[in-house]
PDB file of N, CA and C in Angstrom:
ATOM      1  N   MET A   1      -1.973 -26.439  -7.254  1.00  0.00           N
ATOM      2  CA  MET A   1      -2.012 -25.636  -8.444  1.00  0.00           C
ATOM      3  C   MET A   1      -2.841 -26.322  -9.527  1.00  0.00           C
ATOM      4  N   ARG A   2      -2.746 -27.650  -9.603  1.00  0.00           N
ATOM      5  CA  ARG A   2      -3.519 -28.382 -10.603  1.00  0.00           C
ATOM      6  C   ARG A   2      -5.012 -28.247 -10.331  1.00  0.00           C
ATOM      7  N   GLN A   3      -5.361 -28.255  -9.039  1.00  0.00           N
ATOM      8  CA  GLN A   3      -6.778 -28.127  -8.692  1.00  0.00           C
ATOM      9  C   GLN A   3      -7.312 -26.763  -9.125  1.00  0.00           C
ATOM     10  N   LEU A   4      -6.519 -25.729  -8.933  1.00  0.00           N
ATOM     11  CA  LEU A   4      -6.926 -24.392  -9.336  1.00  0.00           C
ATOM     12  C   LEU A   4      -7.081 -24.326 -10.854  1.00  0.00           C
ATOM     13  N   HIS A   5      -6.141 -24.936 -11.571  1.00  0.00           N
ATOM     14  CA  HIS A   5      -6.227 -24.940 -13.032  1.00  0.00           C
ATOM     15  C   HIS A   5      -7.464 -25.713 -13.491  1.00  0.00           C
ATOM     16  N   ALA A   6      -7.728 -26.852 -12.856  1.00  0.00           N
ATOM     17  CA  ALA A   6      -8.906 -27.643 -13.215  1.00  0.00           C
ATOM     18  C   ALA A   6     -10.191 -26.872 -12.920  1.00  0.00           C
ATOM     19  N   PHE A   7     -10.212 -26.192 -11.796  1.00  0.00           N
ATOM     20  CA  PHE A   7     -11.382 -25.386 -11.452  1.00  0.00           C
ATOM     21  C   PHE A   7     -11.592 -24.278 -12.478  1.00  0.00           C
ATOM     22  N   ALA A   8     -10.513 -23.592 -12.828  1.00  0.00           N
ATOM     23  CA  ALA A   8     -10.600 -22.501 -13.797  1.00  0.00           C
ATOM     24  C   ALA A   8     -11.051 -23.017 -15.158  1.00  0.00           C
ATOM     25  N   THR A   9     -10.543 -24.167 -15.569  1.00  0.00           N
ATOM     26  CA  THR A   9     -10.944 -24.752 -16.840  1.00  0.00           C
ATOM     27  C   THR A   9     -12.430 -25.091 -16.823  1.00  0.00           C
ATOM     28  N   GLY A  10     -12.870 -25.702 -15.739  1.00  0.00           N
ATOM     29  CA  GLY A  10     -14.290 -26.052 -15.606  1.00  0.00           C
ATOM     30  C   GLY A  10     -15.175 -24.821 -15.596  1.00  0.00           C
ATOM     31  N   LEU A  11     -14.731 -23.797 -14.904  1.00  0.00           N
ATOM     32  CA  LEU A  11     -15.487 -22.555 -14.848  1.00  0.00           C
ATOM     33  C   LEU A  11     -15.536 -21.901 -16.227  1.00  0.00           C
ATOM     34  N   GLY A  12     -14.414 -21.933 -16.934  1.00  0.00           N
ATOM     35  CA  GLY A  12     -14.379 -21.385 -18.285  1.00  0.00           C
ATOM     36  C   GLY A  12     -15.316 -22.129 -19.215  1.00  0.00           C
ATOM     37  N   TYR A  13     -15.356 -23.443 -19.085  1.00  0.00           N
ATOM     38  CA  TYR A  13     -16.256 -24.241 -19.913  1.00  0.00           C
ATOM     39  C   TYR A  13     -17.706 -23.895 -19.603  1.00  0.00           C
ATOM     40  N   THR A  14     -18.015 -23.786 -18.329  1.00  0.00           N
ATOM     41  CA  THR A  14     -19.382 -23.477 -17.920  1.00  0.00           C
ATOM     42  C   THR A  14     -19.809 -22.105 -18.424  1.00  0.00           C
ATOM     43  N   LEU A  15     -18.938 -21.129 -18.299  1.00  0.00           N
ATOM     44  CA  LEU A  15     -19.288 -19.779 -18.721  1.00  0.00           C
ATOM     45  C   LEU A  15     -19.351 -19.625 -20.238  1.00  0.00           C
ATOM     46  N   SER A  16     -18.479 -20.316 -20.939  1.00  0.00           N
ATOM     47  CA  SER A  16     -18.440 -20.135 -22.394  1.00  0.00           C
ATOM     48  C   SER A  16     -19.286 -21.163 -23.131  1.00  0.00           C
ATOM     49  N   ARG A  17     -19.718 -22.195 -22.449  1.00  0.00           N
ATOM     50  CA  ARG A  17     -20.554 -23.242 -23.021  1.00  0.00           C
ATOM     51  C   ARG A  17     -19.895 -23.991 -24.189  1.00  0.00           C
ATOM     52  N   HIS A  18     -18.596 -24.005 -24.237  1.00  0.00           N
ATOM     53  CA  HIS A  18     -17.913 -24.828 -25.231  1.00  0.00           C
ATOM     54  C   HIS A  18     -16.592 -25.308 -24.658  1.00  0.00           C
ATOM     55  N   LYS A  19     -16.078 -26.356 -25.286  1.00  0.00           N
ATOM     56  CA  LYS A  19     -14.815 -26.924 -24.834  1.00  0.00           C
ATOM     57  C   LYS A  19     -13.658 -26.371 -25.651  1.00  0.00           C
ATOM     58  N   GLY A  20     -12.499 -26.461 -25.068  1.00  0.00           N
ATOM     59  CA  GLY A  20     -11.303 -26.087 -25.802  1.00  0.00           C
ATOM     60  C   GLY A  20     -10.895 -24.655 -25.523  1.00  0.00           C
ATOM     61  N   GLY A  21      -9.782 -24.279 -26.091  1.00  0.00           N
ATOM     62  CA  GLY A  21      -9.284 -22.929 -25.872  1.00  0.00           C
ATOM     63  C   GLY A  21      -8.606 -22.828 -24.526  1.00  0.00           C
ATOM     64  N   THR A  22      -8.086 -21.679 -24.256  1.00  0.00           N
ATOM     65  CA  THR A  22      -7.427 -21.458 -22.972  1.00  0.00           C
ATOM     66  C   THR A  22      -8.360 -20.691 -22.060  1.00  0.00           C
ATOM     67  N   THR A  23      -8.189 -20.902 -20.797  1.00  0.00           N
ATOM     68  CA  THR A  23      -9.000 -20.233 -19.795  1.00  0.00           C
ATOM     69  C   THR A  23      -8.095 -19.353 -18.968  1.00  0.00           C
ATOM     70  N   GLU A  24      -8.542 -18.165 -18.707  1.00  0.00           N
ATOM     71  CA  GLU A  24      -7.762 -17.232 -17.914  1.00  0.00           C
ATOM     72  C   GLU A  24      -8.607 -16.778 -16.740  1.00  0.00           C
ATOM     73  N   VAL A  25      -8.058 -16.921 -15.535  1.00  0.00           N
ATOM     74  CA  VAL A  25      -8.730 -16.467 -14.332  1.00  0.00           C
ATOM     75  C   VAL A  25      -8.071 -15.165 -13.916  1.00  0.00           C
ATOM     76  N   VAL A  26      -8.869 -14.129 -13.727  1.00  0.00           N
ATOM     77  CA  VAL A  26      -8.351 -12.825 -13.345  1.00  0.00           C
ATOM     78  C   VAL A  26      -8.873 -12.503 -11.960  1.00  0.00           C
ATOM     79  N   PHE A  27      -7.977 -12.274 -11.030  1.00  0.00           N
ATOM     80  CA  PHE A  27      -8.356 -11.920  -9.673  1.00  0.00           C
ATOM     81  C   PHE A  27      -8.432 -10.404  -9.565  1.00  0.00           C
ATOM     82  N   PRO A  28      -9.404  -9.893  -8.842  1.00  0.00           N
ATOM     83  CA  PRO A  28      -9.528  -8.437  -8.727  1.00  0.00           C
ATOM     84  C   PRO A  28      -8.306  -7.839  -8.034  1.00  0.00           C
ATOM     85  N   GLN A  29      -7.893  -6.687  -8.519  1.00  0.00           N
ATOM     86  CA  GLN A  29      -6.763  -5.982  -7.931  1.00  0.00           C
ATOM     87  C   GLN A  29      -7.277  -4.995  -6.890  1.00  0.00           C
ATOM     88  N   ASP A  30      -6.448  -4.740  -5.909  1.00  0.00           N
ATOM     89  CA  ASP A  30      -6.810  -3.734  -4.916  1.00  0.00           C
ATOM     90  C   ASP A  30      -6.924  -2.378  -5.593  1.00  0.00           C
ATOM     91  N   GLN A  31      -7.983  -1.675  -5.293  1.00  0.00           N
ATOM     92  CA  GLN A  31      -8.174  -0.343  -5.844  1.00  0.00           C
ATOM     93  C   GLN A  31      -7.374   0.643  -5.002  1.00  0.00           C
ATOM     94  N   PRO A  32      -6.711   1.592  -5.639  1.00  0.00           N
ATOM     95  CA  PRO A  32      -5.970   2.574  -4.853  1.00  0.00           C
ATOM     96  C   PRO A  32      -6.924   3.450  -4.049  1.00  0.00           C
ATOM     97  N   LEU A  33      -6.441   3.938  -2.951  1.00  0.00           N
ATOM     98  CA  LEU A  33      -7.222   4.859  -2.130  1.00  0.00           C
ATOM     99  C   LEU A  33      -7.394   6.176  -2.888  1.00  0.00           C
ATOM    100  N   PRO A  34      -8.401   6.957  -2.519  1.00  0.00           N
ATOM    101  CA  PRO A  34      -8.533   8.264  -3.159  1.00  0.00           C
ATOM    102  C   PRO A  34      -7.253   9.085  -2.972  1.00  0.00           C
ATOM    103  N   HIS A  35      -6.776   9.676  -4.021  1.00  0.00           N
ATOM    104  CA  HIS A  35      -5.594  10.552  -4.040  1.00  0.00           C
ATOM    105  C   HIS A  35      -4.273   9.802  -3.840  1.00  0.00           C
ATOM    106  N   GLN A  36      -4.311   8.477  -3.754  1.00  0.00           N
ATOM    107  CA  GLN A  36      -3.076   7.713  -3.563  1.00  0.00           C
ATOM    108  C   GLN A  36      -2.160   7.838  -4.786  1.00  0.00           C
ATOM    109  N   VAL A  37      -2.737   7.837  -5.965  1.00  0.00           N
ATOM    110  CA  VAL A  37      -1.935   7.963  -7.182  1.00  0.00           C
ATOM    111  C   VAL A  37      -1.228   9.319  -7.204  1.00  0.00           C
ATOM    112  N   GLU A  38      -1.952  10.358  -6.816  1.00  0.00           N
ATOM    113  CA  GLU A  38      -1.373  11.710  -6.777  1.00  0.00           C
ATOM    114  C   GLU A  38      -0.188  11.761  -5.807  1.00  0.00           C
ATOM    115  N   LEU A  39      -0.354  11.180  -4.627  1.00  0.00           N
ATOM    116  CA  LEU A  39       0.733  11.176  -3.645  1.00  0.00           C
ATOM    117  C   LEU A  39       1.895  10.306  -4.125  1.00  0.00           C
ATOM    118  N   ALA A  40       1.597   9.201  -4.784  1.00  0.00           N
ATOM    119  CA  ALA A  40       2.653   8.334  -5.309  1.00  0.00           C
ATOM    120  C   ALA A  40       3.477   9.068  -6.361  1.00  0.00           C
ATOM    121  N   GLN A  41       2.823   9.915  -7.162  1.00  0.00           N
ATOM    122  CA  GLN A  41       3.553  10.696  -8.161  1.00  0.00           C
ATOM    123  C   GLN A  41       4.490  11.696  -7.485  1.00  0.00           C
ATOM    124  N   LEU A  42       4.035  12.311  -6.405  1.00  0.00           N
ATOM    125  CA  LEU A  42       4.912  13.224  -5.658  1.00  0.00           C
ATOM    126  C   LEU A  42       6.100  12.470  -5.073  1.00  0.00           C
ATOM    127  N   ILE A  43       5.864  11.281  -4.568  1.00  0.00           N
ATOM    128  CA  ILE A  43       6.948  10.464  -4.015  1.00  0.00           C
ATOM    129  C   ILE A  43       7.933  10.094  -5.121  1.00  0.00           C
ATOM    130  N   ASP A  44       7.409   9.731  -6.289  1.00  0.00           N
ATOM    131  CA  ASP A  44       8.287   9.386  -7.412  1.00  0.00           C
ATOM    132  C   ASP A  44       9.174  10.557  -7.817  1.00  0.00           C
ATOM    133  N   ARG A  45       8.654  11.778  -7.659  1.00  0.00           N
ATOM    134  CA  ARG A  45       9.435  12.982  -7.983  1.00  0.00           C
ATOM    135  C   ARG A  45      10.315  13.419  -6.806  1.00  0.00           C
ATOM    136  N   ARG A  46      10.298  12.631  -5.739  1.00  0.00           N
ATOM    137  CA  ARG A  46      11.060  12.895  -4.511  1.00  0.00           C
ATOM    138  C   ARG A  46      10.626  14.191  -3.835  1.00  0.00           C
ATOM    139  N   ALA A  47       9.358  14.524  -3.975  1.00  0.00           N
ATOM    140  CA  ALA A  47       8.781  15.707  -3.320  1.00  0.00           C
ATOM    141  C   ALA A  47       8.050  15.219  -2.061  1.00  0.00           C
ATOM    142  N   TYR A  48       8.835  14.691  -1.126  1.00  0.00           N
ATOM    143  CA  TYR A  48       8.267  14.059   0.063  1.00  0.00           C
ATOM    144  C   TYR A  48       7.523  15.056   0.950  1.00  0.00           C
ATOM    145  N   ALA A  49       8.094  16.225   1.145  1.00  0.00           N
ATOM    146  CA  ALA A  49       7.440  17.239   1.980  1.00  0.00           C
ATOM    147  C   ALA A  49       6.120  17.678   1.338  1.00  0.00           C
ATOM    148  N   GLN A  50       6.117  17.830   0.020  1.00  0.00           N
ATOM    149  CA  GLN A  50       4.887  18.204  -0.678  1.00  0.00           C
ATOM    150  C   GLN A  50       3.823  17.125  -0.508  1.00  0.00           C
ATOM    151  N   ALA A  51       4.237  15.869  -0.546  1.00  0.00           N
ATOM    152  CA  ALA A  51       3.293  14.767  -0.381  1.00  0.00           C
ATOM    153  C   ALA A  51       2.657  14.816   1.013  1.00  0.00           C
ATOM    154  N   ALA A  52       3.470  15.075   2.028  1.00  0.00           N
ATOM    155  CA  ALA A  52       2.948  15.164   3.396  1.00  0.00           C
ATOM    156  C   ALA A  52       2.004  16.359   3.542  1.00  0.00           C
ATOM    157  N   GLN A  53       2.365  17.486   2.933  1.00  0.00           N
ATOM    158  CA  GLN A  53       1.492  18.667   2.988  1.00  0.00           C
ATOM    159  C   GLN A  53       0.197  18.420   2.238  1.00  0.00           C
ATOM    160  N   ARG A  54       0.282  17.743   1.105  1.00  0.00           N
ATOM    161  CA  ARG A  54      -0.917  17.441   0.326  1.00  0.00           C
ATOM    162  C   ARG A  54      -1.839  16.522   1.107  1.00  0.00           C
ATOM    163  N   LEU A  55      -1.257  15.559   1.825  1.00  0.00           N
ATOM    164  CA  LEU A  55      -2.073  14.671   2.657  1.00  0.00           C
ATOM    165  C   LEU A  55      -2.894  15.480   3.651  1.00  0.00           C
ATOM    166  N   LEU A  56      -2.254  16.416   4.330  1.00  0.00           N
ATOM    167  CA  LEU A  56      -2.969  17.225   5.312  1.00  0.00           C
ATOM    168  C   LEU A  56      -4.060  18.069   4.658  1.00  0.00           C
ATOM    169  N   ALA A  57      -3.816  18.542   3.442  1.00  0.00           N
ATOM    170  CA  ALA A  57      -4.822  19.336   2.737  1.00  0.00           C
ATOM    171  C   ALA A  57      -6.034  18.486   2.342  1.00  0.00           C
ATOM    172  N   LEU A  58      -5.841  17.188   2.247  1.00  0.00           N
ATOM    173  CA  LEU A  58      -6.918  16.291   1.827  1.00  0.00           C
ATOM    174  C   LEU A  58      -7.756  15.753   2.987  1.00  0.00           C
ATOM    175  N   GLN A  59      -7.414  16.130   4.193  1.00  0.00           N
ATOM    176  CA  GLN A  59      -8.065  15.551   5.371  1.00  0.00           C
ATOM    177  C   GLN A  59      -9.586  15.611   5.314  1.00  0.00           C
ATOM    178  N   PHE A  60     -10.147  16.702   4.863  1.00  0.00           N
ATOM    179  CA  PHE A  60     -11.594  16.850   4.878  1.00  0.00           C
ATOM    180  C   PHE A  60     -12.224  16.556   3.513  1.00  0.00           C
ATOM    181  N   ALA A  61     -11.412  16.094   2.573  1.00  0.00           N
ATOM    182  CA  ALA A  61     -11.913  15.764   1.241  1.00  0.00           C
ATOM    183  C   ALA A  61     -12.291  14.295   1.107  1.00  0.00           C
ATOM    184  N   MET A  62     -12.146  13.531   2.188  1.00  0.00           N
ATOM    185  CA  MET A  62     -12.460  12.099   2.175  1.00  0.00           C
ATOM    186  C   MET A  62     -12.934  11.674   3.557  1.00  0.00           C
ATOM    187  N   THR A  63     -13.386  10.453   3.648  1.00  0.00           N
ATOM    188  CA  THR A  63     -13.836   9.970   4.950  1.00  0.00           C
ATOM    189  C   THR A  63     -12.639   9.838   5.888  1.00  0.00           C
ATOM    190  N   GLU A  64     -12.931   9.816   7.163  1.00  0.00           N
ATOM    191  CA  GLU A  64     -11.859   9.698   8.152  1.00  0.00           C
ATOM    192  C   GLU A  64     -11.103   8.386   7.987  1.00  0.00           C
ATOM    193  N   ALA A  65     -11.817   7.301   7.708  1.00  0.00           N
ATOM    194  CA  ALA A  65     -11.174   5.993   7.537  1.00  0.00           C
ATOM    195  C   ALA A  65     -10.240   6.008   6.329  1.00  0.00           C
ATOM    196  N   GLU A  66     -10.692   6.601   5.224  1.00  0.00           N
ATOM    197  CA  GLU A  66      -9.850   6.684   4.032  1.00  0.00           C
ATOM    198  C   GLU A  66      -8.625   7.554   4.298  1.00  0.00           C
ATOM    199  N   PHE A  67      -8.831   8.654   5.008  1.00  0.00           N
ATOM    200  CA  PHE A  67      -7.715   9.543   5.324  1.00  0.00           C
ATOM    201  C   PHE A  67      -6.680   8.822   6.182  1.00  0.00           C
ATOM    202  N   LEU A  68      -7.137   8.076   7.161  1.00  0.00           N
ATOM    203  CA  LEU A  68      -6.210   7.329   8.018  1.00  0.00           C
ATOM    204  C   LEU A  68      -5.443   6.293   7.212  1.00  0.00           C
ATOM    205  N   GLN A  69      -6.132   5.555   6.351  1.00  0.00           N
ATOM    206  CA  GLN A  69      -5.462   4.552   5.523  1.00  0.00           C
ATOM    207  C   GLN A  69      -4.438   5.205   4.599  1.00  0.00           C
ATOM    208  N   LEU A  70      -4.818   6.312   3.992  1.00  0.00           N
ATOM    209  CA  LEU A  70      -3.913   7.013   3.089  1.00  0.00           C
ATOM    210  C   LEU A  70      -2.698   7.547   3.849  1.00  0.00           C
ATOM    211  N   GLY A  71      -2.937   8.096   5.031  1.00  0.00           N
ATOM    212  CA  GLY A  71      -1.840   8.604   5.846  1.00  0.00           C
ATOM    213  C   GLY A  71      -0.884   7.513   6.270  1.00  0.00           C
ATOM    214  N   ILE A  72      -1.428   6.388   6.700  1.00  0.00           N
ATOM    215  CA  ILE A  72      -0.579   5.263   7.102  1.00  0.00           C
ATOM    216  C   ILE A  72       0.233   4.774   5.906  1.00  0.00           C
ATOM    217  N   TRP A  73      -0.424   4.681   4.748  1.00  0.00           N
ATOM    218  CA  TRP A  73       0.293   4.263   3.537  1.00  0.00           C
ATOM    219  C   TRP A  73       1.428   5.237   3.216  1.00  0.00           C
ATOM    220  N   LEU A  74       1.126   6.536   3.255  1.00  0.00           N
ATOM    221  CA  LEU A  74       2.132   7.543   2.912  1.00  0.00           C
ATOM    222  C   LEU A  74       3.331   7.468   3.856  1.00  0.00           C
ATOM    223  N   TYR A  75       3.066   7.478   5.155  1.00  0.00           N
ATOM    224  CA  TYR A  75       4.178   7.488   6.102  1.00  0.00           C
ATOM    225  C   TYR A  75       4.945   6.167   6.095  1.00  0.00           C
ATOM    226  N   ALA A  76       4.269   5.054   5.856  1.00  0.00           N
ATOM    227  CA  ALA A  76       4.973   3.768   5.744  1.00  0.00           C
ATOM    228  C   ALA A  76       5.859   3.754   4.505  1.00  0.00           C
ATOM    229  N   THR A  77       5.368   4.350   3.417  1.00  0.00           N
ATOM    230  CA  THR A  77       6.163   4.418   2.191  1.00  0.00           C
ATOM    231  C   THR A  77       7.382   5.310   2.394  1.00  0.00           C
ATOM    232  N   LEU A  78       7.176   6.476   2.995  1.00  0.00           N
ATOM    233  CA  LEU A  78       8.297   7.394   3.226  1.00  0.00           C
ATOM    234  C   LEU A  78       9.302   6.824   4.222  1.00  0.00           C
ATOM    235  N   ASN A  79       8.829   6.038   5.165  1.00  0.00           N
ATOM    236  CA  ASN A  79       9.701   5.460   6.182  1.00  0.00           C
ATOM    237  C   ASN A  79      10.713   4.479   5.588  1.00  0.00           C
ATOM    238  N   GLN A  80      10.452   3.997   4.380  1.00  0.00           N
ATOM    239  CA  GLN A  80      11.369   3.055   3.738  1.00  0.00           C
ATOM    240  C   GLN A  80      12.642   3.734   3.219  1.00  0.00           C
ATOM    241  N   PHE A  81      12.616   5.055   3.096  1.00  0.00           N
ATOM    242  CA  PHE A  81      13.773   5.784   2.581  1.00  0.00           C
ATOM    243  C   PHE A  81      14.756   6.082   3.715  1.00  0.00           C
ATOM    244  N   ASP A  82      16.027   6.204   3.356  1.00  0.00           N
ATOM    245  CA  ASP A  82      17.020   6.560   4.368  1.00  0.00           C
ATOM    246  C   ASP A  82      16.937   8.060   4.670  1.00  0.00           C
ATOM    247  N   ASP A  83      17.617   8.458   5.738  1.00  0.00           N
ATOM    248  CA  ASP A  83      17.546   9.851   6.199  1.00  0.00           C
ATOM    249  C   ASP A  83      18.036  10.845   5.144  1.00  0.00           C
ATOM    250  N   GLN A  84      19.074  10.483   4.392  1.00  0.00           N
ATOM    251  CA  GLN A  84      19.592  11.382   3.360  1.00  0.00           C
ATOM    252  C   GLN A  84      18.574  11.602   2.246  1.00  0.00           C
ATOM    253  N   SER A  85      17.907  10.533   1.829  1.00  0.00           N
ATOM    254  CA  SER A  85      16.884  10.659   0.787  1.00  0.00           C
ATOM    255  C   SER A  85      15.717  11.506   1.269  1.00  0.00           C
ATOM    256  N   LEU A  86      15.321  11.287   2.516  1.00  0.00           N
ATOM    257  CA  LEU A  86      14.226  12.083   3.077  1.00  0.00           C
ATOM    258  C   LEU A  86      14.605  13.559   3.118  1.00  0.00           C
ATOM    259  N   ALA A  87      15.829  13.833   3.566  1.00  0.00           N
ATOM    260  CA  ALA A  87      16.290  15.228   3.640  1.00  0.00           C
ATOM    261  C   ALA A  87      16.317  15.866   2.255  1.00  0.00           C
ATOM    262  N   ALA A  88      16.722  15.092   1.249  1.00  0.00           N
ATOM    263  CA  ALA A  88      16.737  15.617  -0.124  1.00  0.00           C
ATOM    264  C   ALA A  88      15.322  15.917  -0.609  1.00  0.00           C
ATOM    265  N   GLY A  89      14.345  15.194  -0.065  1.00  0.00           N
ATOM    266  CA  GLY A  89      12.950  15.418  -0.425  1.00  0.00           C
ATOM    267  C   GLY A  89      12.263  16.445   0.457  1.00  0.00           C
ATOM    268  N   GLY A  90      13.024  17.053   1.368  1.00  0.00           N
ATOM    269  CA  GLY A  90      12.489  18.137   2.182  1.00  0.00           C
ATOM    270  C   GLY A  90      11.734  17.719   3.428  1.00  0.00           C
ATOM    271  N   ILE A  91      12.001  16.519   3.908  1.00  0.00           N
ATOM    272  CA  ILE A  91      11.310  16.056   5.120  1.00  0.00           C
ATOM    273  C   ILE A  91      12.307  15.289   5.984  1.00  0.00           C
ATOM    274  N   SER A  92      12.057  15.247   7.264  1.00  0.00           N
ATOM    275  CA  SER A  92      12.963  14.533   8.173  1.00  0.00           C
ATOM    276  C   SER A  92      12.237  13.343   8.801  1.00  0.00           C
ATOM    277  N   ARG A  93      13.002  12.467   9.369  1.00  0.00           N
ATOM    278  CA  ARG A  93      12.421  11.312  10.066  1.00  0.00           C
ATOM    279  C   ARG A  93      11.563  11.790  11.229  1.00  0.00           C
ATOM    280  N   THR A  94      11.981  12.873  11.888  1.00  0.00           N
ATOM    281  CA  THR A  94      11.210  13.451  12.991  1.00  0.00           C
ATOM    282  C   THR A  94       9.836  13.909  12.509  1.00  0.00           C
ATOM    283  N   SER A  95       9.781  14.465  11.311  1.00  0.00           N
ATOM    284  CA  SER A  95       8.497  14.891  10.739  1.00  0.00           C
ATOM    285  C   SER A  95       7.595  13.697  10.458  1.00  0.00           C
ATOM    286  N   LEU A  96       8.198  12.584  10.047  1.00  0.00           N
ATOM    287  CA  LEU A  96       7.404  11.376   9.822  1.00  0.00           C
ATOM    288  C   LEU A  96       6.771  10.896  11.114  1.00  0.00           C
ATOM    289  N   VAL A  97       7.560  10.894  12.169  1.00  0.00           N
ATOM    290  CA  VAL A  97       7.048  10.466  13.475  1.00  0.00           C
ATOM    291  C   VAL A  97       5.932  11.405  13.935  1.00  0.00           C
ATOM    292  N   ALA A  98       6.129  12.710  13.742  1.00  0.00           N
ATOM    293  CA  ALA A  98       5.100  13.685  14.126  1.00  0.00           C
ATOM    294  C   ALA A  98       3.815  13.463  13.325  1.00  0.00           C
ATOM    295  N   GLY A  99       3.958  13.179  12.043  1.00  0.00           N
ATOM    296  CA  GLY A  99       2.785  12.912  11.211  1.00  0.00           C
ATOM    297  C   GLY A  99       2.041  11.676  11.653  1.00  0.00           C
ATOM    298  N   LEU A 100       2.780  10.627  11.994  1.00  0.00           N
ATOM    299  CA  LEU A 100       2.138   9.406  12.500  1.00  0.00           C
ATOM    300  C   LEU A 100       1.439   9.649  13.832  1.00  0.00           C
ATOM    301  N   GLU A 101       2.041  10.481  14.671  1.00  0.00           N
ATOM    302  CA  GLU A 101       1.397  10.814  15.949  1.00  0.00           C
ATOM    303  C   GLU A 101       0.107  11.580  15.711  1.00  0.00           C
ATOM    304  N   GLN A 102       0.088  12.468  14.709  1.00  0.00           N
ATOM    305  CA  GLN A 102      -1.151  13.186  14.396  1.00  0.00           C
ATOM    306  C   GLN A 102      -2.233  12.200  13.931  1.00  0.00           C
ATOM    307  N   LEU A 103      -1.841  11.235  13.114  1.00  0.00           N
ATOM    308  CA  LEU A 103      -2.815  10.226  12.672  1.00  0.00           C
ATOM    309  C   LEU A 103      -3.332   9.415  13.847  1.00  0.00           C
ATOM    310  N   GLN A 104      -2.433   9.087  14.760  1.00  0.00           N
ATOM    311  CA  GLN A 104      -2.838   8.321  15.947  1.00  0.00           C
ATOM    312  C   GLN A 104      -3.868   9.087  16.753  1.00  0.00           C
ATOM    313  N   GLN A 105      -3.704  10.397  16.876  1.00  0.00           N
ATOM    314  CA  GLN A 105      -4.656  11.211  17.634  1.00  0.00           C
ATOM    315  C   GLN A 105      -6.010  11.246  16.941  1.00  0.00           C
ATOM    316  N   LEU A 106      -6.017  11.255  15.618  1.00  0.00           N
ATOM    317  CA  LEU A 106      -7.284  11.231  14.871  1.00  0.00           C
ATOM    318  C   LEU A 106      -8.002   9.903  15.069  1.00  0.00           C
ATOM    319  N   LYS A 107      -7.230   8.857  15.207  1.00  0.00           N
ATOM    320  CA  LYS A 107      -7.780   7.508  15.344  1.00  0.00           C
ATOM    321  C   LYS A 107      -8.523   7.339  16.660  1.00  0.00           C
ATOM    322  N   MET A 108      -8.136   8.100  17.662  1.00  0.00           N
ATOM    323  CA  MET A 108      -8.749   7.950  18.996  1.00  0.00           C
ATOM    324  C   MET A 108     -10.108   8.509  19.067  1.00  0.00           C
TER     325      MET A 108
END
């Protein structure tokens, strides 16, 4: 950790051309996938079935790789909920498995 702090301090000095002050290193954050925020909002509202339907509607609005990543993210997120929560959100565990199987077929 000290080495990282020393590196950051040295880098800050080099970039700012003066000594003193505090140096802050900011690491880039992962950018959300296209439409991920929209689906996350549906999940937050417990509209799980709507989120799954919206995913399918977005299939041709993005690249195949992005769609697969978004689908995997969505189903992995929904899979964390128990069966009662899923049912309250209008989706079943069986539907999650079916959705993952559809993604698997697209991947081939």
